[in-house]
Amino acid sequence: MTIGDRKSKYIFHCQGWVPPAEMRTVARELVKVMGMTPARSHPVDDYPMPDGTGGHGYTLFQPLTESYLVVDVYYDLNETDILVSTCKPDRMSMDAIKAFLSGRIGPTMGWKLWEE
């Protein structure tokens, strides 16, 4: 079996949001809850862009040694979506992740999207 054989994607949808600086901390803590390892620091892109395009919020990207985590925050909708792609899905507890995100951001639902 090669490392990508078990790649799976999960989406978590939260009511609410936290500011970018706080989300950096939440993302690092979430990576630990998932039993994974951050690969490097993560950039944050704020919206709207200088040319006025995009919505109102931000996107945070966190590479993992097990793949990646992306956070999209929508201020105007009061929502946060978190996408996790991992080749180590057996490390993830959906209940623990939803409980963590519900406590840090707001009520959270989560689904497994697909396996590649």
PDB file of N, CA and C in Angstrom:
ATOM      1  N   MET A   1       0.841  -1.170   0.000  1.00  0.00           N
ATOM      2  CA  MET A   1       0.000   0.000   0.000  1.00  0.00           C
ATOM      3  C   MET A   1       0.896   1.246   0.000  1.00  0.00           C
ATOM      4  N   THR A   2       0.604   2.215  -0.866  1.00  0.00           N
ATOM      5  CA  THR A   2       1.351   3.470  -0.876  1.00  0.00           C
ATOM      6  C   THR A   2       0.619   4.497  -0.019  1.00  0.00           C
ATOM      7  N   ILE A   3       1.324   5.585   0.324  1.00  0.00           N
ATOM      8  CA  ILE A   3       0.783   6.557   1.266  1.00  0.00           C
ATOM      9  C   ILE A   3      -0.537   7.176   0.802  1.00  0.00           C
ATOM     10  N   GLY A   4      -0.773   7.355  -0.493  1.00  0.00           N
ATOM     11  CA  GLY A   4      -2.004   7.967  -0.972  1.00  0.00           C
ATOM     12  C   GLY A   4      -3.175   7.021  -1.142  1.00  0.00           C
ATOM     13  N   ASP A   5      -2.966   5.734  -0.895  1.00  0.00           N
ATOM     14  CA  ASP A   5      -4.031   4.752  -1.111  1.00  0.00           C
ATOM     15  C   ASP A   5      -5.263   4.992  -0.251  1.00  0.00           C
ATOM     16  N   ARG A   6      -5.097   5.616   0.897  1.00  0.00           N
ATOM     17  CA  ARG A   6      -6.230   5.794   1.815  1.00  0.00           C
ATOM     18  C   ARG A   6      -6.650   7.256   1.923  1.00  0.00           C
ATOM     19  N   LYS A   7      -6.262   8.099   0.964  1.00  0.00           N
ATOM     20  CA  LYS A   7      -6.593   9.518   1.065  1.00  0.00           C
ATOM     21  C   LYS A   7      -8.102   9.704   1.115  1.00  0.00           C
ATOM     22  N   SER A   8      -8.536  10.473   2.111  1.00  0.00           N
ATOM     23  CA  SER A   8      -9.955  10.762   2.317  1.00  0.00           C
ATOM     24  C   SER A   8     -10.125  12.251   2.558  1.00  0.00           C
ATOM     25  N   LYS A   9     -11.313  12.757   2.257  1.00  0.00           N
ATOM     26  CA  LYS A   9     -11.621  14.165   2.475  1.00  0.00           C
ATOM     27  C   LYS A   9     -12.836  14.288   3.383  1.00  0.00           C
ATOM     28  N   TYR A  10     -12.763  15.277   4.267  1.00  0.00           N
ATOM     29  CA  TYR A  10     -13.821  15.546   5.234  1.00  0.00           C
ATOM     30  C   TYR A  10     -14.130  17.037   5.226  1.00  0.00           C
ATOM     31  N   ILE A  11     -15.391  17.387   5.409  1.00  0.00           N
ATOM     32  CA  ILE A  11     -15.781  18.797   5.511  1.00  0.00           C
ATOM     33  C   ILE A  11     -16.492  18.996   6.848  1.00  0.00           C
ATOM     34  N   PHE A  12     -16.157  20.080   7.502  1.00  0.00           N
ATOM     35  CA  PHE A  12     -16.800  20.464   8.751  1.00  0.00           C
ATOM     36  C   PHE A  12     -17.395  21.850   8.550  1.00  0.00           C
ATOM     37  N   HIS A  13     -18.665  22.003   8.877  1.00  0.00           N
ATOM     38  CA  HIS A  13     -19.372  23.260   8.699  1.00  0.00           C
ATOM     39  C   HIS A  13     -19.760  23.787  10.079  1.00  0.00           C
ATOM     40  N   CYS A  14     -19.264  24.982  10.412  1.00  0.00           N
ATOM     41  CA  CYS A  14     -19.499  25.576  11.725  1.00  0.00           C
ATOM     42  C   CYS A  14     -20.330  26.842  11.600  1.00  0.00           C
ATOM     43  N   GLN A  15     -21.273  27.034  12.509  1.00  0.00           N
ATOM     44  CA  GLN A  15     -21.935  28.325  12.643  1.00  0.00           C
ATOM     45  C   GLN A  15     -20.994  29.186  13.460  1.00  0.00           C
ATOM     46  N   GLY A  16     -20.680  30.364  12.952  1.00  0.00           N
ATOM     47  CA  GLY A  16     -19.783  31.263  13.654  1.00  0.00           C
ATOM     48  C   GLY A  16     -18.407  31.307  13.007  1.00  0.00           C
ATOM     49  N   TRP A  17     -17.559  32.181  13.535  1.00  0.00           N
ATOM     50  CA  TRP A  17     -16.189  32.329  13.042  1.00  0.00           C
ATOM     51  C   TRP A  17     -15.348  32.981  14.131  1.00  0.00           C
ATOM     52  N   VAL A  18     -14.046  32.879  13.984  1.00  0.00           N
ATOM     53  CA  VAL A  18     -13.103  33.570  14.858  1.00  0.00           C
ATOM     54  C   VAL A  18     -12.143  34.357  13.975  1.00  0.00           C
ATOM     55  N   PRO A  19     -11.535  35.432  14.505  1.00  0.00           N
ATOM     56  CA  PRO A  19     -10.598  36.235  13.713  1.00  0.00           C
ATOM     57  C   PRO A  19      -9.387  35.409  13.258  1.00  0.00           C
ATOM     58  N   PRO A  20      -8.710  35.854  12.194  1.00  0.00           N
ATOM     59  CA  PRO A  20      -7.587  35.085  11.640  1.00  0.00           C
ATOM     60  C   PRO A  20      -6.507  34.718  12.657  1.00  0.00           C
ATOM     61  N   ALA A  21      -6.101  35.644  13.503  1.00  0.00           N
ATOM     62  CA  ALA A  21      -5.038  35.326  14.470  1.00  0.00           C
ATOM     63  C   ALA A  21      -5.476  34.205  15.409  1.00  0.00           C
ATOM     64  N   GLU A  22      -6.740  34.224  15.830  1.00  0.00           N
ATOM     65  CA  GLU A  22      -7.254  33.164  16.695  1.00  0.00           C
ATOM     66  C   GLU A  22      -7.403  31.854  15.922  1.00  0.00           C
ATOM     67  N   MET A  23      -7.783  31.951  14.638  1.00  0.00           N
ATOM     68  CA  MET A  23      -7.948  30.742  13.826  1.00  0.00           C
ATOM     69  C   MET A  23      -6.620  30.022  13.627  1.00  0.00           C
ATOM     70  N   ARG A  24      -5.514  30.761  13.573  1.00  0.00           N
ATOM     71  CA  ARG A  24      -4.201  30.103  13.481  1.00  0.00           C
ATOM     72  C   ARG A  24      -4.018  29.163  14.677  1.00  0.00           C
ATOM     73  N   THR A  25      -4.389  29.630  15.869  1.00  0.00           N
ATOM     74  CA  THR A  25      -4.284  28.813  17.070  1.00  0.00           C
ATOM     75  C   THR A  25      -5.255  27.647  17.014  1.00  0.00           C
ATOM     76  N   VAL A  26      -6.505  27.922  16.609  1.00  0.00           N
ATOM     77  CA  VAL A  26      -7.510  26.860  16.503  1.00  0.00           C
ATOM     78  C   VAL A  26      -7.029  25.791  15.519  1.00  0.00           C
ATOM     79  N   ALA A  27      -6.465  26.208  14.383  1.00  0.00           N
ATOM     80  CA  ALA A  27      -5.987  25.250  13.379  1.00  0.00           C
ATOM     81  C   ALA A  27      -4.876  24.367  13.947  1.00  0.00           C
ATOM     82  N   ARG A  28      -3.934  24.962  14.674  1.00  0.00           N
ATOM     83  CA  ARG A  28      -2.850  24.171  15.276  1.00  0.00           C
ATOM     84  C   ARG A  28      -3.408  23.169  16.288  1.00  0.00           C
ATOM     85  N   GLU A  29      -4.372  23.614  17.093  1.00  0.00           N
ATOM     86  CA  GLU A  29      -4.984  22.717  18.078  1.00  0.00           C
ATOM     87  C   GLU A  29      -5.797  21.621  17.392  1.00  0.00           C
ATOM     88  N   LEU A  30      -6.501  21.975  16.311  1.00  0.00           N
ATOM     89  CA  LEU A  30      -7.283  20.991  15.561  1.00  0.00           C
ATOM     90  C   LEU A  30      -6.382  19.910  14.974  1.00  0.00           C
ATOM     91  N   VAL A  31      -5.235  20.301  14.462  1.00  0.00           N
ATOM     92  CA  VAL A  31      -4.290  19.333  13.908  1.00  0.00           C
ATOM     93  C   VAL A  31      -3.913  18.308  14.974  1.00  0.00           C
ATOM     94  N   LYS A  32      -3.704  18.768  16.213  1.00  0.00           N
ATOM     95  CA  LYS A  32      -3.394  17.842  17.310  1.00  0.00           C
ATOM     96  C   LYS A  32      -4.572  16.928  17.615  1.00  0.00           C
ATOM     97  N   VAL A  33      -5.793  17.501  17.642  1.00  0.00           N
ATOM     98  CA  VAL A  33      -6.997  16.696  17.897  1.00  0.00           C
ATOM     99  C   VAL A  33      -7.125  15.594  16.851  1.00  0.00           C
ATOM    100  N   MET A  34      -6.745  15.897  15.600  1.00  0.00           N
ATOM    101  CA  MET A  34      -6.829  14.919  14.510  1.00  0.00           C
ATOM    102  C   MET A  34      -5.687  13.916  14.533  1.00  0.00           C
ATOM    103  N   GLY A  35      -4.686  14.129  15.387  1.00  0.00           N
ATOM    104  CA  GLY A  35      -3.550  13.216  15.462  1.00  0.00           C
ATOM    105  C   GLY A  35      -2.590  13.377  14.300  1.00  0.00           C
ATOM    106  N   MET A  36      -2.476  14.605  13.802  1.00  0.00           N
ATOM    107  CA  MET A  36      -1.630  14.863  12.631  1.00  0.00           C
ATOM    108  C   MET A  36      -0.546  15.865  12.967  1.00  0.00           C
ATOM    109  N   THR A  37       0.262  16.220  11.949  1.00  0.00           N
ATOM    110  CA  THR A  37       1.419  17.077  12.155  1.00  0.00           C
ATOM    111  C   THR A  37       1.425  18.207  11.133  1.00  0.00           C
ATOM    112  N   PRO A  38       1.535  19.482  11.589  1.00  0.00           N
ATOM    113  CA  PRO A  38       1.646  20.583  10.632  1.00  0.00           C
ATOM    114  C   PRO A  38       2.975  20.488   9.888  1.00  0.00           C
ATOM    115  N   ALA A  39       2.958  20.823   8.598  1.00  0.00           N
ATOM    116  CA  ALA A  39       4.170  20.728   7.788  1.00  0.00           C
ATOM    117  C   ALA A  39       4.968  22.033   7.779  1.00  0.00           C
ATOM    118  N   ARG A  40       4.310  23.175   7.893  1.00  0.00           N
ATOM    119  CA  ARG A  40       4.965  24.485   7.919  1.00  0.00           C
ATOM    120  C   ARG A  40       3.926  25.518   8.340  1.00  0.00           C
ATOM    121  N   SER A  41       4.349  26.786   8.436  1.00  0.00           N
ATOM    122  CA  SER A  41       3.386  27.822   8.794  1.00  0.00           C
ATOM    123  C   SER A  41       2.372  27.988   7.664  1.00  0.00           C
ATOM    124  N   HIS A  42       1.245  28.528   8.011  1.00  0.00           N
ATOM    125  CA  HIS A  42       0.124  28.583   7.085  1.00  0.00           C
ATOM    126  C   HIS A  42      -0.225  30.027   6.737  1.00  0.00           C
ATOM    127  N   PRO A  43      -0.368  30.331   5.450  1.00  0.00           N
ATOM    128  CA  PRO A  43      -0.766  31.684   5.057  1.00  0.00           C
ATOM    129  C   PRO A  43      -2.259  31.909   5.253  1.00  0.00           C
ATOM    130  N   VAL A  44      -2.651  33.171   5.380  1.00  0.00           N
ATOM    131  CA  VAL A  44      -4.049  33.575   5.437  1.00  0.00           C
ATOM    132  C   VAL A  44      -4.282  34.590   4.323  1.00  0.00           C
ATOM    133  N   ASP A  45      -5.307  34.366   3.519  1.00  0.00           N
ATOM    134  CA  ASP A  45      -5.698  35.318   2.481  1.00  0.00           C
ATOM    135  C   ASP A  45      -6.988  35.987   2.919  1.00  0.00           C
ATOM    136  N   ASP A  46      -6.969  37.324   2.990  1.00  0.00           N
ATOM    137  CA  ASP A  46      -8.146  38.090   3.378  1.00  0.00           C
ATOM    138  C   ASP A  46      -8.950  38.488   2.147  1.00  0.00           C
ATOM    139  N   TYR A  47     -10.274  38.537   2.313  1.00  0.00           N
ATOM    140  CA  TYR A  47     -11.185  38.947   1.250  1.00  0.00           C
ATOM    141  C   TYR A  47     -12.094  40.047   1.780  1.00  0.00           C
ATOM    142  N   PRO A  48     -12.464  41.016   0.927  1.00  0.00           N
ATOM    143  CA  PRO A  48     -12.200  41.035  -0.504  1.00  0.00           C
ATOM    144  C   PRO A  48     -10.729  41.346  -0.805  1.00  0.00           C
ATOM    145  N   MET A  49     -10.327  40.962  -2.016  1.00  0.00           N
ATOM    146  CA  MET A  49      -8.974  41.228  -2.499  1.00  0.00           C
ATOM    147  C   MET A  49      -8.834  42.736  -2.740  1.00  0.00           C
ATOM    148  N   PRO A  50      -7.607  43.233  -2.878  1.00  0.00           N
ATOM    149  CA  PRO A  50      -7.418  44.672  -3.120  1.00  0.00           C
ATOM    150  C   PRO A  50      -8.224  45.205  -4.314  1.00  0.00           C
ATOM    151  N   ASP A  51      -8.482  44.357  -5.307  1.00  0.00           N
ATOM    152  CA  ASP A  51      -9.259  44.818  -6.468  1.00  0.00           C
ATOM    153  C   ASP A  51     -10.764  44.726  -6.227  1.00  0.00           C
ATOM    154  N   GLY A  52     -11.171  44.322  -5.002  1.00  0.00           N
ATOM    155  CA  GLY A  52     -12.583  44.271  -4.656  1.00  0.00           C
ATOM    156  C   GLY A  52     -13.252  42.932  -4.900  1.00  0.00           C
ATOM    157  N   THR A  53     -12.539  41.964  -5.472  1.00  0.00           N
ATOM    158  CA  THR A  53     -13.140  40.662  -5.759  1.00  0.00           C
ATOM    159  C   THR A  53     -13.119  39.769  -4.521  1.00  0.00           C
ATOM    160  N   GLY A  54     -14.006  38.806  -4.537  1.00  0.00           N
ATOM    161  CA  GLY A  54     -14.113  37.876  -3.426  1.00  0.00           C
ATOM    162  C   GLY A  54     -15.170  38.337  -2.446  1.00  0.00           C
ATOM    163  N   GLY A  55     -15.470  37.490  -1.496  1.00  0.00           N
ATOM    164  CA  GLY A  55     -16.487  37.805  -0.498  1.00  0.00           C
ATOM    165  C   GLY A  55     -15.904  38.599   0.650  1.00  0.00           C
ATOM    166  N   HIS A  56     -16.427  38.380   1.849  1.00  0.00           N
ATOM    167  CA  HIS A  56     -15.946  39.044   3.059  1.00  0.00           C
ATOM    168  C   HIS A  56     -15.584  37.963   4.064  1.00  0.00           C
ATOM    169  N   GLY A  57     -14.280  37.779   4.233  1.00  0.00           N
ATOM    170  CA  GLY A  57     -13.801  36.747   5.140  1.00  0.00           C
ATOM    171  C   GLY A  57     -12.335  36.467   4.886  1.00  0.00           C
ATOM    172  N   TYR A  58     -11.951  35.212   5.062  1.00  0.00           N
ATOM    173  CA  TYR A  58     -10.567  34.831   4.805  1.00  0.00           C
ATOM    174  C   TYR A  58     -10.474  33.331   4.569  1.00  0.00           C
ATOM    175  N   THR A  59      -9.344  32.923   3.994  1.00  0.00           N
ATOM    176  CA  THR A  59      -9.011  31.518   3.785  1.00  0.00           C
ATOM    177  C   THR A  59      -7.651  31.259   4.420  1.00  0.00           C
ATOM    178  N   LEU A  60      -7.565  30.198   5.189  1.00  0.00           N
ATOM    179  CA  LEU A  60      -6.324  29.791   5.830  1.00  0.00           C
ATOM    180  C   LEU A  60      -5.959  28.412   5.299  1.00  0.00           C
ATOM    181  N   PHE A  61      -4.715  28.243   4.889  1.00  0.00           N
ATOM    182  CA  PHE A  61      -4.226  26.955   4.394  1.00  0.00           C
ATOM    183  C   PHE A  61      -3.177  26.429   5.349  1.00  0.00           C
ATOM    184  N   GLN A  62      -3.361  25.187   5.805  1.00  0.00           N
ATOM    185  CA  GLN A  62      -2.397  24.533   6.686  1.00  0.00           C
ATOM    186  C   GLN A  62      -1.952  23.213   6.076  1.00  0.00           C
ATOM    187  N   PRO A  63      -0.744  23.189   5.482  1.00  0.00           N
ATOM    188  CA  PRO A  63      -0.237  21.904   5.001  1.00  0.00           C
ATOM    189  C   PRO A  63       0.063  20.974   6.183  1.00  0.00           C
ATOM    190  N   LEU A  64      -0.187  19.696   5.976  1.00  0.00           N
ATOM    191  CA  LEU A  64       0.085  18.667   6.978  1.00  0.00           C
ATOM    192  C   LEU A  64       1.057  17.655   6.399  1.00  0.00           C
ATOM    193  N   THR A  65       1.802  16.974   7.241  1.00  0.00           N
ATOM    194  CA  THR A  65       2.627  15.894   6.709  1.00  0.00           C
ATOM    195  C   THR A  65       1.727  14.787   6.173  1.00  0.00           C
ATOM    196  N   GLU A  66       0.455  14.764   6.606  1.00  0.00           N
ATOM    197  CA  GLU A  66      -0.522  13.779   6.148  1.00  0.00           C
ATOM    198  C   GLU A  66      -1.415  14.321   5.029  1.00  0.00           C
ATOM    199  N   SER A  67      -1.244  15.543   4.567  1.00  0.00           N
ATOM    200  CA  SER A  67      -1.922  16.183   3.433  1.00  0.00           C
ATOM    201  C   SER A  67      -2.207  17.649   3.737  1.00  0.00           C
ATOM    202  N   TYR A  68      -3.499  18.071   3.947  1.00  0.00           N
ATOM    203  CA  TYR A  68      -3.754  19.499   4.176  1.00  0.00           C
ATOM    204  C   TYR A  68      -5.077  19.751   4.870  1.00  0.00           C
ATOM    205  N   LEU A  69      -5.189  20.987   5.386  1.00  0.00           N
ATOM    206  CA  LEU A  69      -6.390  21.503   6.023  1.00  0.00           C
ATOM    207  C   LEU A  69      -6.613  22.904   5.460  1.00  0.00           C
ATOM    208  N   VAL A  70      -7.832  23.214   5.048  1.00  0.00           N
ATOM    209  CA  VAL A  70      -8.171  24.547   4.537  1.00  0.00           C
ATOM    210  C   VAL A  70      -9.377  25.060   5.314  1.00  0.00           C
ATOM    211  N   VAL A  71      -9.292  26.308   5.775  1.00  0.00           N
ATOM    212  CA  VAL A  71     -10.383  26.957   6.498  1.00  0.00           C
ATOM    213  C   VAL A  71     -10.895  28.110   5.648  1.00  0.00           C
ATOM    214  N   ASP A  72     -12.194  28.156   5.396  1.00  0.00           N
ATOM    215  CA  ASP A  72     -12.842  29.288   4.718  1.00  0.00           C
ATOM    216  C   ASP A  72     -13.814  29.920   5.691  1.00  0.00           C
ATOM    217  N   VAL A  73     -13.646  31.214   5.937  1.00  0.00           N
ATOM    218  CA  VAL A  73     -14.504  31.954   6.857  1.00  0.00           C
ATOM    219  C   VAL A  73     -15.306  32.978   6.072  1.00  0.00           C
ATOM    220  N   TYR A  74     -16.609  33.015   6.334  1.00  0.00           N
ATOM    221  CA  TYR A  74     -17.532  33.933   5.664  1.00  0.00           C
ATOM    222  C   TYR A  74     -18.157  34.826   6.731  1.00  0.00           C
ATOM    223  N   TYR A  75     -17.644  36.054   6.868  1.00  0.00           N
ATOM    224  CA  TYR A  75     -18.159  36.960   7.896  1.00  0.00           C
ATOM    225  C   TYR A  75     -19.643  37.233   7.715  1.00  0.00           C
ATOM    226  N   ASP A  76     -20.032  37.534   6.474  1.00  0.00           N
ATOM    227  CA  ASP A  76     -21.415  37.941   6.212  1.00  0.00           C
ATOM    228  C   ASP A  76     -22.418  36.802   6.434  1.00  0.00           C
ATOM    229  N   LEU A  77     -21.983  35.562   6.325  1.00  0.00           N
ATOM    230  CA  LEU A  77     -22.864  34.411   6.551  1.00  0.00           C
ATOM    231  C   LEU A  77     -22.730  33.836   7.967  1.00  0.00           C
ATOM    232  N   ASN A  78     -21.740  34.346   8.737  1.00  0.00           N
ATOM    233  CA  ASN A  78     -21.451  33.842  10.072  1.00  0.00           C
ATOM    234  C   ASN A  78     -21.178  32.336  10.031  1.00  0.00           C
ATOM    235  N   GLU A  79     -20.312  31.937   9.085  1.00  0.00           N
ATOM    236  CA  GLU A  79     -20.010  30.514   8.881  1.00  0.00           C
ATOM    237  C   GLU A  79     -18.519  30.278   8.668  1.00  0.00           C
ATOM    238  N   THR A  80     -18.110  29.082   9.036  1.00  0.00           N
ATOM    239  CA  THR A  80     -16.749  28.607   8.781  1.00  0.00           C
ATOM    240  C   THR A  80     -16.844  27.202   8.204  1.00  0.00           C
ATOM    241  N   ASP A  81     -16.147  26.976   7.091  1.00  0.00           N
ATOM    242  CA  ASP A  81     -16.037  25.638   6.515  1.00  0.00           C
ATOM    243  C   ASP A  81     -14.583  25.194   6.617  1.00  0.00           C
ATOM    244  N   ILE A  82     -14.374  23.953   7.034  1.00  0.00           N
ATOM    245  CA  ILE A  82     -13.031  23.391   7.173  1.00  0.00           C
ATOM    246  C   ILE A  82     -12.969  22.111   6.356  1.00  0.00           C
ATOM    247  N   LEU A  83     -12.043  22.065   5.423  1.00  0.00           N
ATOM    248  CA  LEU A  83     -11.815  20.892   4.585  1.00  0.00           C
ATOM    249  C   LEU A  83     -10.518  20.228   5.032  1.00  0.00           C
ATOM    250  N   VAL A  84     -10.583  18.933   5.290  1.00  0.00           N
ATOM    251  CA  VAL A  84      -9.399  18.161   5.670  1.00  0.00           C
ATOM    252  C   VAL A  84      -9.208  17.055   4.644  1.00  0.00           C
ATOM    253  N   SER A  85      -8.023  17.005   4.060  1.00  0.00           N
ATOM    254  CA  SER A  85      -7.639  15.906   3.187  1.00  0.00           C
ATOM    255  C   SER A  85      -6.511  15.168   3.892  1.00  0.00           C
ATOM    256  N   THR A  86      -6.657  13.853   4.031  1.00  0.00           N
ATOM    257  CA  THR A  86      -5.648  13.092   4.769  1.00  0.00           C
ATOM    258  C   THR A  86      -5.476  11.694   4.208  1.00  0.00           C
ATOM    259  N   CYS A  87      -4.253  11.206   4.278  1.00  0.00           N
ATOM    260  CA  CYS A  87      -3.962   9.824   3.913  1.00  0.00           C
ATOM    261  C   CYS A  87      -3.950   8.938   5.165  1.00  0.00           C
ATOM    262  N   LYS A  88      -4.302   9.526   6.314  1.00  0.00           N
ATOM    263  CA  LYS A  88      -4.349   8.796   7.588  1.00  0.00           C
ATOM    264  C   LYS A  88      -5.715   8.978   8.251  1.00  0.00           C
ATOM    265  N   PRO A  89      -6.806   8.590   7.568  1.00  0.00           N
ATOM    266  CA  PRO A  89      -8.138   8.824   8.128  1.00  0.00           C
ATOM    267  C   PRO A  89      -8.417   8.060   9.415  1.00  0.00           C
ATOM    268  N   ASP A  90      -7.694   6.971   9.659  1.00  0.00           N
ATOM    269  CA  ASP A  90      -7.917   6.186  10.858  1.00  0.00           C
ATOM    270  C   ASP A  90      -7.555   6.958  12.123  1.00  0.00           C
ATOM    271  N   ARG A  91      -6.807   8.033  12.004  1.00  0.00           N
ATOM    272  CA  ARG A  91      -6.426   8.844  13.158  1.00  0.00           C
ATOM    273  C   ARG A  91      -7.546   9.788  13.596  1.00  0.00           C
ATOM    274  N   MET A  92      -8.534  10.006  12.724  1.00  0.00           N
ATOM    275  CA  MET A  92      -9.556  11.017  12.976  1.00  0.00           C
ATOM    276  C   MET A  92     -10.771  10.454  13.710  1.00  0.00           C
ATOM    277  N   SER A  93     -11.198  11.173  14.732  1.00  0.00           N
ATOM    278  CA  SER A  93     -12.452  10.874  15.422  1.00  0.00           C
ATOM    279  C   SER A  93     -13.417  12.009  15.094  1.00  0.00           C
ATOM    280  N   MET A  94     -14.434  11.723  14.278  1.00  0.00           N
ATOM    281  CA  MET A  94     -15.386  12.753  13.887  1.00  0.00           C
ATOM    282  C   MET A  94     -16.036  13.383  15.119  1.00  0.00           C
ATOM    283  N   ASP A  95     -16.389  12.583  16.100  1.00  0.00           N
ATOM    284  CA  ASP A  95     -17.032  13.120  17.302  1.00  0.00           C
ATOM    285  C   ASP A  95     -16.108  14.079  18.046  1.00  0.00           C
ATOM    286  N   ALA A  96     -14.836  13.714  18.192  1.00  0.00           N
ATOM    287  CA  ALA A  96     -13.884  14.576  18.896  1.00  0.00           C
ATOM    288  C   ALA A  96     -13.655  15.879  18.124  1.00  0.00           C
ATOM    289  N   ILE A  97     -13.562  15.787  16.804  1.00  0.00           N
ATOM    290  CA  ILE A  97     -13.343  16.980  15.982  1.00  0.00           C
ATOM    291  C   ILE A  97     -14.549  17.907  16.067  1.00  0.00           C
ATOM    292  N   LYS A  98     -15.766  17.355  15.914  1.00  0.00           N
ATOM    293  CA  LYS A  98     -16.970  18.185  15.983  1.00  0.00           C
ATOM    294  C   LYS A  98     -17.118  18.831  17.365  1.00  0.00           C
ATOM    295  N   ALA A  99     -16.802  18.097  18.414  1.00  0.00           N
ATOM    296  CA  ALA A  99     -16.885  18.657  19.762  1.00  0.00           C
ATOM    297  C   ALA A  99     -15.872  19.788  19.934  1.00  0.00           C
ATOM    298  N   PHE A 100     -14.649  19.585  19.454  1.00  0.00           N
ATOM    299  CA  PHE A 100     -13.623  20.620  19.548  1.00  0.00           C
ATOM    300  C   PHE A 100     -14.055  21.875  18.798  1.00  0.00           C
ATOM    301  N   LEU A 101     -14.469  21.718  17.535  1.00  0.00           N
ATOM    302  CA  LEU A 101     -14.860  22.877  16.716  1.00  0.00           C
ATOM    303  C   LEU A 101     -16.106  23.566  17.279  1.00  0.00           C
ATOM    304  N   SER A 102     -17.046  22.794  17.793  1.00  0.00           N
ATOM    305  CA  SER A 102     -18.246  23.392  18.391  1.00  0.00           C
ATOM    306  C   SER A 102     -17.870  24.259  19.592  1.00  0.00           C
ATOM    307  N   GLY A 103     -16.885  23.829  20.358  1.00  0.00           N
ATOM    308  CA  GLY A 103     -16.446  24.593  21.513  1.00  0.00           C
ATOM    309  C   GLY A 103     -15.638  25.823  21.163  1.00  0.00           C
ATOM    310  N   ARG A 104     -14.896  25.767  20.082  1.00  0.00           N
ATOM    311  CA  ARG A 104     -14.015  26.882  19.720  1.00  0.00           C
ATOM    312  C   ARG A 104     -14.635  27.854  18.731  1.00  0.00           C
ATOM    313  N   ILE A 105     -15.516  27.374  17.836  1.00  0.00           N
ATOM    314  CA  ILE A 105     -16.081  28.235  16.785  1.00  0.00           C
ATOM    315  C   ILE A 105     -17.593  28.360  16.921  1.00  0.00           C
ATOM    316  N   GLY A 106     -18.303  27.251  16.973  1.00  0.00           N
ATOM    317  CA  GLY A 106     -19.753  27.246  17.069  1.00  0.00           C
ATOM    318  C   GLY A 106     -20.278  25.891  16.650  1.00  0.00           C
ATOM    319  N   PRO A 107     -21.591  25.707  16.724  1.00  0.00           N
ATOM    320  CA  PRO A 107     -22.184  24.410  16.382  1.00  0.00           C
ATOM    321  C   PRO A 107     -21.632  23.870  15.059  1.00  0.00           C
ATOM    322  N   THR A 108     -21.234  22.597  15.064  1.00  0.00           N
ATOM    323  CA  THR A 108     -20.508  22.005  13.938  1.00  0.00           C
ATOM    324  C   THR A 108     -21.144  20.709  13.472  1.00  0.00           C
ATOM    325  N   MET A 109     -21.221  20.584  12.150  1.00  0.00           N
ATOM    326  CA  MET A 109     -21.615  19.332  11.509  1.00  0.00           C
ATOM    327  C   MET A 109     -20.413  18.871  10.692  1.00  0.00           C
ATOM    328  N   GLY A 110     -20.288  17.559  10.464  1.00  0.00           N
ATOM    329  CA  GLY A 110     -19.169  17.055   9.676  1.00  0.00           C
ATOM    330  C   GLY A 110     -19.558  15.843   8.869  1.00  0.00           C
ATOM    331  N   TRP A 111     -18.909  15.699   7.707  1.00  0.00           N
ATOM    332  CA  TRP A 111     -19.175  14.586   6.803  1.00  0.00           C
ATOM    333  C   TRP A 111     -17.893  14.119   6.148  1.00  0.00           C
ATOM    334  N   LYS A 112     -17.820  12.830   5.888  1.00  0.00           N
ATOM    335  CA  LYS A 112     -16.772  12.306   5.031  1.00  0.00           C
ATOM    336  C   LYS A 112     -17.216  12.539   3.607  1.00  0.00           C
ATOM    337  N   LEU A 113     -16.351  13.149   2.784  1.00  0.00           N
ATOM    338  CA  LEU A 113     -16.748  13.473   1.414  1.00  0.00           C
ATOM    339  C   LEU A 113     -16.492  12.326   0.454  1.00  0.00           C
ATOM    340  N   TRP A 114     -15.246  11.836   0.411  1.00  0.00           N
ATOM    341  CA  TRP A 114     -14.928  10.745  -0.511  1.00  0.00           C
ATOM    342  C   TRP A 114     -13.546  10.207  -0.239  1.00  0.00           C
ATOM    343  N   GLU A 115     -13.270   9.066  -0.807  1.00  0.00           N
ATOM    344  CA  GLU A 115     -11.922   8.497  -0.800  1.00  0.00           C
ATOM    345  C   GLU A 115     -11.431   8.499  -2.224  1.00  0.00           C
ATOM    346  N   GLU A 116     -10.164   8.824  -2.421  1.00  0.00           N
ATOM    347  CA  GLU A 116      -9.583   8.818  -3.760  1.00  0.00           C
ATOM    348  C   GLU A 116      -9.043   7.449  -4.079  1.00  0.00           C
TER     349      GLU A 116
END
